[in-house]
Amino acid sequence: MNNKSYTIVVTGLGGQGLIRLLQILGNALIIEGYKVMTSETHGLSQRGGKVTCFLRFGKKLLAPIPIIGTADMIIALEESTILDVLKFAKPDKSTNLIISTYEKHDVDTNYPSLEHLLNILYENSDEIHFIPANEIAVKYTGNLKTVNIVILGYILRFLPIKTEVVEDSLNENFSGEKLDMNLKALSEGQKL
């Protein structure tokens, strides 16, 4: 990566590990020599409310919150939450949209249909990736809490970072059985 900065927007529900995802990725990027800034909005995160986080990295220091229309990647750990952050997608439709197929349907709310969701997504990007992250996490690790690391494994294909450095960052955050589960989740995400 040259002197370009890179912006990632992550959205989902409280308790899905968004902030942990950014901590692990941010630590790995720092080891790779990048300057990293993160920011997050908590809101009702403790109650399963929507959360949005930002990670920006590059060779020079950046403001933590990006300008609308400048995100290189938007990640949604719950399908419908991406609708709230599409304003950060680039006008040229080059933003990678990484969307977990998980849907949380609340009582007495109208969840957007897949057709509606796809129409809006294709208006904003030509790079749309649906990931069955929850299913992968449960199948290969037996723990839904590794869904964020499945996503991390998947997005490594788009980032200038070595798998070994991310594994080292996981090792700093977990130990024992939790480390093994998260390393497996990372590996399975990379296979998608």
N, C-alpha and C. Protein backbone atom coordinates (compact mmCIF):
# COMPACT_ATOMS: atom_id res chain seq x y z
N MET A 1 0.85 -1.19 0.00
CA MET A 1 0.00 0.00 0.00
C MET A 1 0.88 1.23 0.00
N ASN A 2 0.59 2.18 -0.86
CA ASN A 2 1.36 3.41 -0.94
C ASN A 2 0.93 4.38 0.16
N ASN A 3 0.87 5.65 -0.14
CA ASN A 3 0.49 6.65 0.87
C ASN A 3 -1.01 6.80 1.04
N LYS A 4 -1.77 6.00 0.32
CA LYS A 4 -3.22 6.06 0.42
C LYS A 4 -3.68 5.64 1.82
N SER A 5 -4.70 6.29 2.29
CA SER A 5 -5.32 5.84 3.53
C SER A 5 -6.44 4.87 3.18
N TYR A 6 -6.84 4.07 4.15
CA TYR A 6 -7.85 3.05 3.94
C TYR A 6 -8.88 3.18 5.05
N THR A 7 -10.15 3.12 4.69
CA THR A 7 -11.23 3.31 5.65
C THR A 7 -12.15 2.11 5.67
N ILE A 8 -12.41 1.62 6.89
CA ILE A 8 -13.33 0.51 7.09
C ILE A 8 -14.42 0.97 8.05
N VAL A 9 -15.67 0.73 7.68
CA VAL A 9 -16.81 1.00 8.55
C VAL A 9 -17.39 -0.37 8.93
N VAL A 10 -17.61 -0.57 10.22
CA VAL A 10 -18.17 -1.83 10.71
C VAL A 10 -19.45 -1.51 11.48
N THR A 11 -20.51 -2.25 11.16
CA THR A 11 -21.77 -2.03 11.84
C THR A 11 -22.38 -3.37 12.23
N GLY A 12 -23.20 -3.34 13.23
CA GLY A 12 -23.85 -4.56 13.70
C GLY A 12 -24.62 -4.26 14.97
N LEU A 13 -24.82 -5.29 15.74
CA LEU A 13 -25.57 -5.16 16.98
C LEU A 13 -24.64 -5.29 18.17
N GLY A 14 -24.98 -4.63 19.25
CA GLY A 14 -24.18 -4.75 20.47
C GLY A 14 -24.03 -6.21 20.87
N GLY A 15 -22.83 -6.60 21.24
CA GLY A 15 -22.57 -7.97 21.65
C GLY A 15 -22.02 -8.85 20.54
N GLN A 16 -21.89 -8.31 19.31
CA GLN A 16 -21.37 -9.11 18.20
C GLN A 16 -19.85 -9.05 18.08
N GLY A 17 -19.19 -8.28 18.92
CA GLY A 17 -17.73 -8.25 18.90
C GLY A 17 -17.12 -7.29 17.90
N LEU A 18 -17.83 -6.24 17.55
CA LEU A 18 -17.32 -5.27 16.58
C LEU A 18 -16.05 -4.59 17.08
N ILE A 19 -16.08 -4.14 18.32
CA ILE A 19 -14.93 -3.42 18.87
C ILE A 19 -13.74 -4.37 19.00
N ARG A 20 -13.98 -5.59 19.42
CA ARG A 20 -12.89 -6.58 19.51
C ARG A 20 -12.29 -6.85 18.13
N LEU A 21 -13.14 -6.94 17.12
CA LEU A 21 -12.67 -7.11 15.74
C LEU A 21 -11.71 -5.99 15.36
N LEU A 22 -12.10 -4.76 15.65
CA LEU A 22 -11.24 -3.62 15.31
C LEU A 22 -9.96 -3.60 16.14
N GLN A 23 -10.02 -4.00 17.40
CA GLN A 23 -8.82 -4.06 18.22
C GLN A 23 -7.81 -5.05 17.64
N ILE A 24 -8.27 -6.22 17.28
CA ILE A 24 -7.39 -7.26 16.74
C ILE A 24 -6.81 -6.82 15.41
N LEU A 25 -7.66 -6.31 14.52
CA LEU A 25 -7.18 -5.84 13.22
C LEU A 25 -6.26 -4.64 13.38
N GLY A 26 -6.65 -3.70 14.24
CA GLY A 26 -5.83 -2.51 14.46
C GLY A 26 -4.45 -2.85 14.99
N ASN A 27 -4.37 -3.77 15.96
CA ASN A 27 -3.06 -4.19 16.50
C ASN A 27 -2.20 -4.79 15.41
N ALA A 28 -2.79 -5.63 14.57
CA ALA A 28 -2.05 -6.26 13.48
C ALA A 28 -1.54 -5.22 12.48
N LEU A 29 -2.37 -4.23 12.17
CA LEU A 29 -1.95 -3.18 11.24
C LEU A 29 -0.81 -2.34 11.81
N ILE A 30 -0.86 -2.08 13.10
CA ILE A 30 0.24 -1.34 13.75
C ILE A 30 1.54 -2.12 13.64
N ILE A 31 1.47 -3.43 13.87
CA ILE A 31 2.66 -4.29 13.74
C ILE A 31 3.20 -4.22 12.31
N GLU A 32 2.30 -4.11 11.32
CA GLU A 32 2.70 -4.02 9.91
C GLU A 32 3.25 -2.63 9.55
N GLY A 33 3.23 -1.70 10.51
CA GLY A 33 3.83 -0.39 10.27
C GLY A 33 2.86 0.72 9.88
N TYR A 34 1.56 0.47 9.99
CA TYR A 34 0.59 1.50 9.64
C TYR A 34 0.20 2.31 10.86
N LYS A 35 -0.20 3.54 10.61
CA LYS A 35 -0.81 4.36 11.65
C LYS A 35 -2.30 4.02 11.62
N VAL A 36 -2.90 3.85 12.79
CA VAL A 36 -4.28 3.37 12.89
C VAL A 36 -5.07 4.28 13.82
N MET A 37 -6.27 4.61 13.38
CA MET A 37 -7.21 5.36 14.22
C MET A 37 -8.53 4.60 14.22
N THR A 38 -9.15 4.49 15.39
CA THR A 38 -10.46 3.87 15.48
C THR A 38 -11.41 4.78 16.26
N SER A 39 -12.66 4.57 16.02
CA SER A 39 -13.70 5.30 16.74
C SER A 39 -14.95 4.43 16.70
N GLU A 40 -15.80 4.57 17.69
CA GLU A 40 -17.03 3.80 17.68
C GLU A 40 -18.15 4.58 18.33
N THR A 41 -19.36 4.22 17.95
CA THR A 41 -20.55 4.76 18.59
C THR A 41 -21.16 3.61 19.37
N HIS A 42 -21.44 3.82 20.62
CA HIS A 42 -21.96 2.74 21.45
C HIS A 42 -23.48 2.72 21.49
N GLY A 43 -24.09 3.83 21.75
CA GLY A 43 -25.56 3.85 21.80
C GLY A 43 -26.10 2.78 22.74
N LEU A 44 -26.97 1.95 22.22
CA LEU A 44 -27.62 0.90 23.00
C LEU A 44 -26.90 -0.44 22.85
N SER A 45 -25.60 -0.39 22.68
CA SER A 45 -24.87 -1.62 22.38
C SER A 45 -25.03 -2.68 23.45
N GLN A 46 -25.20 -2.29 24.68
CA GLN A 46 -25.35 -3.27 25.75
C GLN A 46 -26.68 -4.01 25.65
N ARG A 47 -27.61 -3.47 24.91
CA ARG A 47 -28.94 -4.07 24.81
C ARG A 47 -29.22 -4.63 23.42
N GLY A 48 -28.19 -4.83 22.63
CA GLY A 48 -28.40 -5.36 21.29
C GLY A 48 -28.74 -4.30 20.27
N GLY A 49 -28.57 -3.02 20.64
CA GLY A 49 -28.84 -1.94 19.70
C GLY A 49 -27.74 -1.84 18.65
N LYS A 50 -27.96 -1.01 17.65
CA LYS A 50 -27.01 -0.87 16.55
C LYS A 50 -25.76 -0.14 17.01
N VAL A 51 -24.62 -0.62 16.49
CA VAL A 51 -23.32 -0.05 16.81
C VAL A 51 -22.60 0.19 15.49
N THR A 52 -21.89 1.30 15.38
CA THR A 52 -21.07 1.57 14.21
C THR A 52 -19.67 1.92 14.68
N CYS A 53 -18.68 1.31 14.04
CA CYS A 53 -17.27 1.55 14.37
C CYS A 53 -16.52 1.91 13.10
N PHE A 54 -15.44 2.62 13.28
CA PHE A 54 -14.61 3.04 12.15
C PHE A 54 -13.17 2.65 12.42
N LEU A 55 -12.48 2.20 11.40
CA LEU A 55 -11.05 1.95 11.47
C LEU A 55 -10.44 2.58 10.23
N ARG A 56 -9.46 3.44 10.46
CA ARG A 56 -8.76 4.09 9.35
C ARG A 56 -7.28 3.81 9.54
N PHE A 57 -6.61 3.48 8.46
CA PHE A 57 -5.18 3.24 8.55
C PHE A 57 -4.47 3.69 7.30
N GLY A 58 -3.18 3.95 7.46
CA GLY A 58 -2.36 4.40 6.35
C GLY A 58 -0.97 4.73 6.86
N LYS A 59 -0.21 5.41 6.03
CA LYS A 59 1.16 5.77 6.40
C LYS A 59 1.21 7.09 7.17
N LYS A 60 0.11 7.83 7.16
CA LYS A 60 0.06 9.06 7.95
C LYS A 60 -1.18 9.05 8.83
N LEU A 61 -1.18 9.86 9.88
CA LEU A 61 -2.27 9.90 10.84
C LEU A 61 -3.52 10.50 10.22
N LEU A 62 -4.65 9.92 10.52
CA LEU A 62 -5.93 10.32 9.95
C LEU A 62 -6.92 10.66 11.05
N ALA A 63 -7.96 11.39 10.68
CA ALA A 63 -9.05 11.62 11.62
C ALA A 63 -9.78 10.29 11.82
N PRO A 64 -10.30 10.03 13.01
CA PRO A 64 -10.91 8.71 13.27
C PRO A 64 -12.22 8.45 12.54
N ILE A 65 -12.99 9.49 12.25
CA ILE A 65 -14.28 9.30 11.58
C ILE A 65 -14.15 9.78 10.14
N PRO A 66 -14.48 8.91 9.18
CA PRO A 66 -14.30 9.27 7.77
C PRO A 66 -15.36 10.24 7.27
N ILE A 67 -15.03 10.85 6.15
CA ILE A 67 -15.98 11.70 5.45
C ILE A 67 -16.97 10.80 4.72
N ILE A 68 -18.20 11.21 4.64
CA ILE A 68 -19.22 10.46 3.91
C ILE A 68 -18.74 10.26 2.47
N GLY A 69 -18.93 9.03 1.96
CA GLY A 69 -18.56 8.72 0.59
C GLY A 69 -17.11 8.32 0.40
N THR A 70 -16.40 7.91 1.48
CA THR A 70 -14.98 7.60 1.35
C THR A 70 -14.58 6.21 1.85
N ALA A 71 -15.52 5.38 2.26
CA ALA A 71 -15.17 4.08 2.82
C ALA A 71 -14.70 3.11 1.74
N ASP A 72 -13.61 2.43 2.02
CA ASP A 72 -13.12 1.39 1.11
C ASP A 72 -13.85 0.08 1.36
N MET A 73 -14.30 -0.11 2.60
CA MET A 73 -15.00 -1.34 2.97
C MET A 73 -16.03 -1.02 4.04
N ILE A 74 -17.21 -1.64 3.88
CA ILE A 74 -18.24 -1.56 4.92
C ILE A 74 -18.59 -2.99 5.28
N ILE A 75 -18.55 -3.29 6.57
CA ILE A 75 -18.84 -4.63 7.07
C ILE A 75 -20.09 -4.55 7.94
N ALA A 76 -21.04 -5.44 7.68
CA ALA A 76 -22.25 -5.50 8.50
C ALA A 76 -22.36 -6.90 9.10
N LEU A 77 -22.35 -6.99 10.43
CA LEU A 77 -22.49 -8.28 11.09
C LEU A 77 -23.95 -8.68 11.27
N GLU A 78 -24.86 -7.79 10.93
CA GLU A 78 -26.30 -8.09 10.87
C GLU A 78 -26.79 -7.43 9.59
N GLU A 79 -27.49 -8.17 8.77
CA GLU A 79 -27.82 -7.75 7.42
C GLU A 79 -28.38 -6.33 7.29
N SER A 80 -29.42 -6.03 8.03
CA SER A 80 -30.12 -4.75 7.84
C SER A 80 -29.33 -3.55 8.35
N THR A 81 -28.35 -3.76 9.22
CA THR A 81 -27.61 -2.61 9.77
C THR A 81 -26.80 -1.89 8.71
N ILE A 82 -26.52 -2.54 7.60
CA ILE A 82 -25.75 -1.88 6.54
C ILE A 82 -26.51 -0.69 5.96
N LEU A 83 -27.84 -0.73 6.03
CA LEU A 83 -28.64 0.35 5.46
C LEU A 83 -28.34 1.69 6.12
N ASP A 84 -27.96 1.66 7.38
CA ASP A 84 -27.69 2.90 8.12
C ASP A 84 -26.34 3.53 7.77
N VAL A 85 -25.43 2.78 7.15
CA VAL A 85 -24.08 3.31 6.92
C VAL A 85 -23.70 3.38 5.45
N LEU A 86 -24.63 3.11 4.56
CA LEU A 86 -24.31 3.16 3.13
C LEU A 86 -23.90 4.55 2.66
N LYS A 87 -24.21 5.57 3.44
CA LYS A 87 -23.77 6.93 3.08
C LYS A 87 -22.25 7.02 3.02
N PHE A 88 -21.54 6.08 3.66
CA PHE A 88 -20.08 6.09 3.62
C PHE A 88 -19.51 5.42 2.37
N ALA A 89 -20.36 4.74 1.57
CA ALA A 89 -19.90 4.08 0.35
C ALA A 89 -19.45 5.13 -0.67
N LYS A 90 -18.45 4.78 -1.45
CA LYS A 90 -17.91 5.69 -2.47
C LYS A 90 -18.90 5.85 -3.62
N PRO A 91 -19.00 7.05 -4.17
CA PRO A 91 -19.92 7.30 -5.28
C PRO A 91 -19.61 6.47 -6.53
N ASP A 92 -18.35 6.04 -6.70
CA ASP A 92 -17.99 5.25 -7.88
C ASP A 92 -18.35 3.77 -7.73
N LYS A 93 -19.01 3.41 -6.62
CA LYS A 93 -19.50 2.06 -6.34
C LYS A 93 -18.38 1.04 -6.15
N SER A 94 -17.19 1.49 -5.72
CA SER A 94 -16.06 0.59 -5.54
C SER A 94 -15.90 0.07 -4.11
N THR A 95 -16.72 0.53 -3.20
CA THR A 95 -16.64 0.09 -1.80
C THR A 95 -17.01 -1.39 -1.69
N ASN A 96 -16.16 -2.16 -1.03
CA ASN A 96 -16.48 -3.57 -0.75
C ASN A 96 -17.51 -3.62 0.37
N LEU A 97 -18.63 -4.25 0.10
CA LEU A 97 -19.67 -4.44 1.12
C LEU A 97 -19.62 -5.89 1.55
N ILE A 98 -19.27 -6.12 2.82
CA ILE A 98 -19.16 -7.46 3.39
C ILE A 98 -20.33 -7.61 4.37
N ILE A 99 -21.25 -8.52 4.06
CA ILE A 99 -22.49 -8.59 4.82
C ILE A 99 -22.71 -10.00 5.35
N SER A 100 -22.80 -10.11 6.66
CA SER A 100 -23.16 -11.39 7.26
C SER A 100 -24.63 -11.65 6.96
N THR A 101 -24.96 -12.88 6.65
CA THR A 101 -26.35 -13.22 6.32
C THR A 101 -27.25 -13.31 7.54
N TYR A 102 -26.73 -12.98 8.72
CA TYR A 102 -27.53 -13.01 9.95
C TYR A 102 -28.59 -11.93 9.91
N GLU A 103 -29.83 -12.30 10.28
CA GLU A 103 -30.93 -11.35 10.37
C GLU A 103 -31.54 -11.42 11.77
N LYS A 104 -31.73 -10.28 12.39
CA LYS A 104 -32.40 -10.24 13.69
C LYS A 104 -33.74 -9.56 13.48
N HIS A 105 -34.78 -10.36 13.51
CA HIS A 105 -36.14 -9.84 13.33
C HIS A 105 -36.73 -9.53 14.69
N ASP A 106 -37.05 -8.27 14.90
CA ASP A 106 -37.69 -7.86 16.15
C ASP A 106 -39.21 -7.95 15.98
N VAL A 107 -39.88 -8.18 17.08
CA VAL A 107 -41.34 -8.22 17.07
C VAL A 107 -41.87 -6.84 16.69
N ASP A 108 -42.91 -6.82 15.90
CA ASP A 108 -43.59 -5.58 15.50
C ASP A 108 -42.72 -4.65 14.65
N THR A 109 -41.75 -5.18 13.93
CA THR A 109 -40.99 -4.36 12.99
C THR A 109 -41.02 -5.02 11.62
N ASN A 110 -40.93 -4.22 10.61
CA ASN A 110 -40.89 -4.73 9.24
C ASN A 110 -39.44 -4.85 8.82
N TYR A 111 -38.98 -6.08 8.69
CA TYR A 111 -37.60 -6.32 8.26
C TYR A 111 -37.56 -6.17 6.75
N PRO A 112 -36.52 -5.52 6.20
CA PRO A 112 -36.47 -5.33 4.75
C PRO A 112 -36.36 -6.67 4.01
N SER A 113 -37.08 -6.79 2.91
CA SER A 113 -37.00 -8.00 2.10
C SER A 113 -35.63 -8.08 1.44
N LEU A 114 -35.24 -9.27 1.04
CA LEU A 114 -33.96 -9.44 0.36
C LEU A 114 -33.94 -8.64 -0.94
N GLU A 115 -35.06 -8.63 -1.64
CA GLU A 115 -35.14 -7.86 -2.90
C GLU A 115 -34.89 -6.37 -2.65
N HIS A 116 -35.53 -5.82 -1.63
CA HIS A 116 -35.34 -4.41 -1.27
C HIS A 116 -33.89 -4.15 -0.88
N LEU A 117 -33.34 -5.02 -0.05
CA LEU A 117 -31.96 -4.87 0.39
C LEU A 117 -31.00 -4.91 -0.80
N LEU A 118 -31.18 -5.88 -1.70
CA LEU A 118 -30.30 -5.99 -2.86
C LEU A 118 -30.39 -4.77 -3.77
N ASN A 119 -31.60 -4.25 -3.97
CA ASN A 119 -31.76 -3.05 -4.80
C ASN A 119 -30.94 -1.89 -4.25
N ILE A 120 -31.03 -1.69 -2.95
CA ILE A 120 -30.29 -0.59 -2.33
C ILE A 120 -28.78 -0.85 -2.38
N LEU A 121 -28.37 -2.09 -2.12
CA LEU A 121 -26.94 -2.41 -2.14
C LEU A 121 -26.35 -2.18 -3.52
N TYR A 122 -27.03 -2.65 -4.57
CA TYR A 122 -26.50 -2.49 -5.92
C TYR A 122 -26.53 -1.03 -6.40
N GLU A 123 -27.33 -0.20 -5.78
CA GLU A 123 -27.28 1.24 -6.07
C GLU A 123 -26.01 1.86 -5.50
N ASN A 124 -25.42 1.20 -4.51
CA ASN A 124 -24.28 1.78 -3.80
C ASN A 124 -22.94 1.09 -4.04
N SER A 125 -22.94 -0.12 -4.58
CA SER A 125 -21.67 -0.83 -4.77
C SER A 125 -21.80 -1.92 -5.83
N ASP A 126 -20.68 -2.15 -6.51
CA ASP A 126 -20.56 -3.28 -7.43
C ASP A 126 -19.83 -4.44 -6.77
N GLU A 127 -19.42 -4.26 -5.52
CA GLU A 127 -18.61 -5.25 -4.80
C GLU A 127 -19.37 -5.72 -3.55
N ILE A 128 -20.30 -6.64 -3.73
CA ILE A 128 -21.15 -7.09 -2.62
C ILE A 128 -20.84 -8.54 -2.30
N HIS A 129 -20.55 -8.80 -1.02
CA HIS A 129 -20.17 -10.14 -0.58
C HIS A 129 -21.04 -10.55 0.61
N PHE A 130 -21.92 -11.53 0.42
CA PHE A 130 -22.72 -12.07 1.52
C PHE A 130 -21.95 -13.24 2.12
N ILE A 131 -21.79 -13.24 3.43
CA ILE A 131 -21.00 -14.25 4.13
C ILE A 131 -21.88 -14.95 5.17
N PRO A 132 -21.97 -16.28 5.15
CA PRO A 132 -22.75 -17.00 6.17
C PRO A 132 -21.93 -17.14 7.46
N ALA A 133 -21.51 -16.03 8.01
CA ALA A 133 -20.56 -16.02 9.14
C ALA A 133 -21.10 -16.74 10.37
N ASN A 134 -22.37 -16.54 10.70
CA ASN A 134 -22.92 -17.20 11.88
C ASN A 134 -22.90 -18.72 11.73
N GLU A 135 -23.31 -19.19 10.54
CA GLU A 135 -23.33 -20.63 10.30
C GLU A 135 -21.92 -21.22 10.38
N ILE A 136 -20.96 -20.52 9.80
CA ILE A 136 -19.57 -20.98 9.82
C ILE A 136 -19.05 -21.02 11.26
N ALA A 137 -19.32 -19.96 12.02
CA ALA A 137 -18.85 -19.90 13.41
C ALA A 137 -19.39 -21.08 14.22
N VAL A 138 -20.68 -21.34 14.10
CA VAL A 138 -21.29 -22.44 14.87
C VAL A 138 -20.77 -23.79 14.39
N LYS A 139 -20.69 -23.98 13.08
CA LYS A 139 -20.30 -25.28 12.52
C LYS A 139 -18.85 -25.64 12.87
N TYR A 140 -17.94 -24.68 12.77
CA TYR A 140 -16.52 -25.01 12.92
C TYR A 140 -15.92 -24.70 14.29
N THR A 141 -16.57 -23.81 15.06
CA THR A 141 -16.02 -23.52 16.38
C THR A 141 -17.00 -23.85 17.50
N GLY A 142 -18.27 -24.04 17.15
CA GLY A 142 -19.28 -24.31 18.16
C GLY A 142 -19.62 -23.10 19.01
N ASN A 143 -19.17 -21.91 18.58
CA ASN A 143 -19.36 -20.72 19.39
C ASN A 143 -19.71 -19.53 18.50
N LEU A 144 -20.91 -19.00 18.68
CA LEU A 144 -21.37 -17.86 17.90
C LEU A 144 -20.52 -16.61 18.12
N LYS A 145 -19.82 -16.55 19.24
CA LYS A 145 -19.01 -15.36 19.55
C LYS A 145 -17.79 -15.23 18.63
N THR A 146 -17.53 -16.23 17.79
CA THR A 146 -16.40 -16.13 16.87
C THR A 146 -16.80 -15.59 15.50
N VAL A 147 -18.05 -15.16 15.36
CA VAL A 147 -18.52 -14.67 14.07
C VAL A 147 -17.68 -13.49 13.58
N ASN A 148 -17.26 -12.61 14.47
CA ASN A 148 -16.45 -11.47 14.07
C ASN A 148 -15.10 -11.90 13.50
N ILE A 149 -14.56 -12.99 14.00
CA ILE A 149 -13.26 -13.46 13.51
C ILE A 149 -13.42 -14.21 12.19
N VAL A 150 -14.56 -14.84 11.96
CA VAL A 150 -14.85 -15.41 10.64
C VAL A 150 -14.82 -14.28 9.60
N ILE A 151 -15.48 -13.18 9.92
CA ILE A 151 -15.49 -12.01 9.03
C ILE A 151 -14.07 -11.49 8.84
N LEU A 152 -13.31 -11.40 9.92
CA LEU A 152 -11.92 -10.93 9.82
C LEU A 152 -11.13 -11.81 8.86
N GLY A 153 -11.29 -13.12 8.97
CA GLY A 153 -10.60 -14.03 8.06
C GLY A 153 -10.98 -13.75 6.61
N TYR A 154 -12.25 -13.49 6.37
CA TYR A 154 -12.70 -13.22 5.00
C TYR A 154 -12.10 -11.93 4.44
N ILE A 155 -12.09 -10.86 5.24
CA ILE A 155 -11.65 -9.57 4.70
C ILE A 155 -10.14 -9.47 4.50
N LEU A 156 -9.38 -10.41 5.04
CA LEU A 156 -7.93 -10.34 4.87
C LEU A 156 -7.53 -10.34 3.40
N ARG A 157 -8.34 -10.92 2.53
CA ARG A 157 -8.04 -10.95 1.09
C ARG A 157 -8.00 -9.55 0.48
N PHE A 158 -8.62 -8.58 1.15
CA PHE A 158 -8.69 -7.22 0.62
C PHE A 158 -7.67 -6.28 1.28
N LEU A 159 -6.96 -6.76 2.28
CA LEU A 159 -6.11 -5.89 3.09
C LEU A 159 -4.62 -6.22 2.94
N PRO A 160 -3.77 -5.22 3.08
CA PRO A 160 -2.32 -5.43 2.96
C PRO A 160 -1.71 -5.92 4.27
N ILE A 161 -2.08 -7.11 4.68
CA ILE A 161 -1.65 -7.61 5.98
C ILE A 161 -1.48 -9.13 5.90
N LYS A 162 -0.49 -9.63 6.58
CA LYS A 162 -0.20 -11.06 6.56
C LYS A 162 -1.05 -11.79 7.61
N THR A 163 -1.47 -12.99 7.27
CA THR A 163 -2.26 -13.82 8.18
C THR A 163 -1.51 -14.03 9.49
N GLU A 164 -0.22 -14.27 9.41
CA GLU A 164 0.58 -14.55 10.62
C GLU A 164 0.52 -13.40 11.62
N VAL A 165 0.47 -12.18 11.11
CA VAL A 165 0.41 -11.01 12.00
C VAL A 165 -0.94 -10.95 12.70
N VAL A 166 -2.00 -11.29 11.98
CA VAL A 166 -3.33 -11.33 12.59
C VAL A 166 -3.40 -12.45 13.63
N GLU A 167 -2.79 -13.58 13.32
CA GLU A 167 -2.74 -14.68 14.29
C GLU A 167 -1.99 -14.26 15.55
N ASP A 168 -0.92 -13.49 15.40
CA ASP A 168 -0.20 -12.97 16.56
C ASP A 168 -1.08 -12.04 17.38
N SER A 169 -1.87 -11.22 16.69
CA SER A 169 -2.79 -10.31 17.38
C SER A 169 -3.86 -11.10 18.13
N LEU A 170 -4.35 -12.17 17.53
CA LEU A 170 -5.31 -13.04 18.22
C LEU A 170 -4.68 -13.64 19.47
N ASN A 171 -3.43 -14.03 19.35
CA ASN A 171 -2.69 -14.61 20.47
C ASN A 171 -2.53 -13.62 21.63
N GLU A 172 -2.49 -12.34 21.32
CA GLU A 172 -2.40 -11.31 22.36
C GLU A 172 -3.75 -11.10 23.06
N ASN A 173 -4.83 -11.46 22.38
CA ASN A 173 -6.17 -11.22 22.91
C ASN A 173 -6.83 -12.43 23.55
N PHE A 174 -6.36 -13.62 23.19
CA PHE A 174 -6.99 -14.85 23.67
C PHE A 174 -5.92 -15.85 24.09
N SER A 175 -6.34 -16.84 24.86
CA SER A 175 -5.44 -17.94 25.22
C SER A 175 -6.25 -19.23 25.33
N GLY A 176 -5.54 -20.34 25.35
CA GLY A 176 -6.17 -21.64 25.55
C GLY A 176 -7.23 -21.97 24.52
N GLU A 177 -8.37 -22.46 25.00
CA GLU A 177 -9.45 -22.89 24.12
C GLU A 177 -10.02 -21.75 23.29
N LYS A 178 -10.10 -20.54 23.88
CA LYS A 178 -10.63 -19.39 23.15
C LYS A 178 -9.70 -19.02 21.99
N LEU A 179 -8.41 -19.12 22.20
CA LEU A 179 -7.46 -18.84 21.12
C LEU A 179 -7.64 -19.86 20.00
N ASP A 180 -7.73 -21.14 20.35
CA ASP A 180 -7.91 -22.19 19.35
C ASP A 180 -9.18 -21.96 18.53
N MET A 181 -10.28 -21.61 19.20
CA MET A 181 -11.55 -21.35 18.51
C MET A 181 -11.41 -20.20 17.53
N ASN A 182 -10.77 -19.13 17.98
CA ASN A 182 -10.64 -17.95 17.14
C ASN A 182 -9.69 -18.17 15.97
N LEU A 183 -8.63 -18.93 16.18
CA LEU A 183 -7.74 -19.27 15.07
C LEU A 183 -8.47 -20.11 14.03
N LYS A 184 -9.33 -21.02 14.49
CA LYS A 184 -10.13 -21.84 13.58
C LYS A 184 -11.12 -20.95 12.82
N ALA A 185 -11.75 -20.02 13.51
CA ALA A 185 -12.69 -19.09 12.87
C ALA A 185 -11.99 -18.26 11.81
N LEU A 186 -10.79 -17.78 12.11
CA LEU A 186 -10.02 -17.00 11.14
C LEU A 186 -9.73 -17.83 9.89
N SER A 187 -9.30 -19.05 10.12
CA SER A 187 -8.98 -19.96 9.01
C SER A 187 -10.21 -20.26 8.15
N GLU A 188 -11.34 -20.52 8.78
CA GLU A 188 -12.56 -20.82 8.04
C GLU A 188 -13.04 -19.60 7.25
N GLY A 189 -12.88 -18.42 7.83
CA GLY A 189 -13.23 -17.19 7.10
C GLY A 189 -12.38 -16.99 5.87
N GLN A 190 -11.13 -17.35 5.95
CA GLN A 190 -10.24 -17.22 4.80
C GLN A 190 -10.60 -18.19 3.68
N LYS A 191 -11.20 -19.32 4.03
CA LYS A 191 -11.57 -20.33 3.03
C LYS A 191 -12.80 -19.94 2.22
N LEU A 192 -13.59 -19.01 2.72
CA LEU A 192 -14.84 -18.64 2.03
C LEU A 192 -14.57 -17.98 0.68
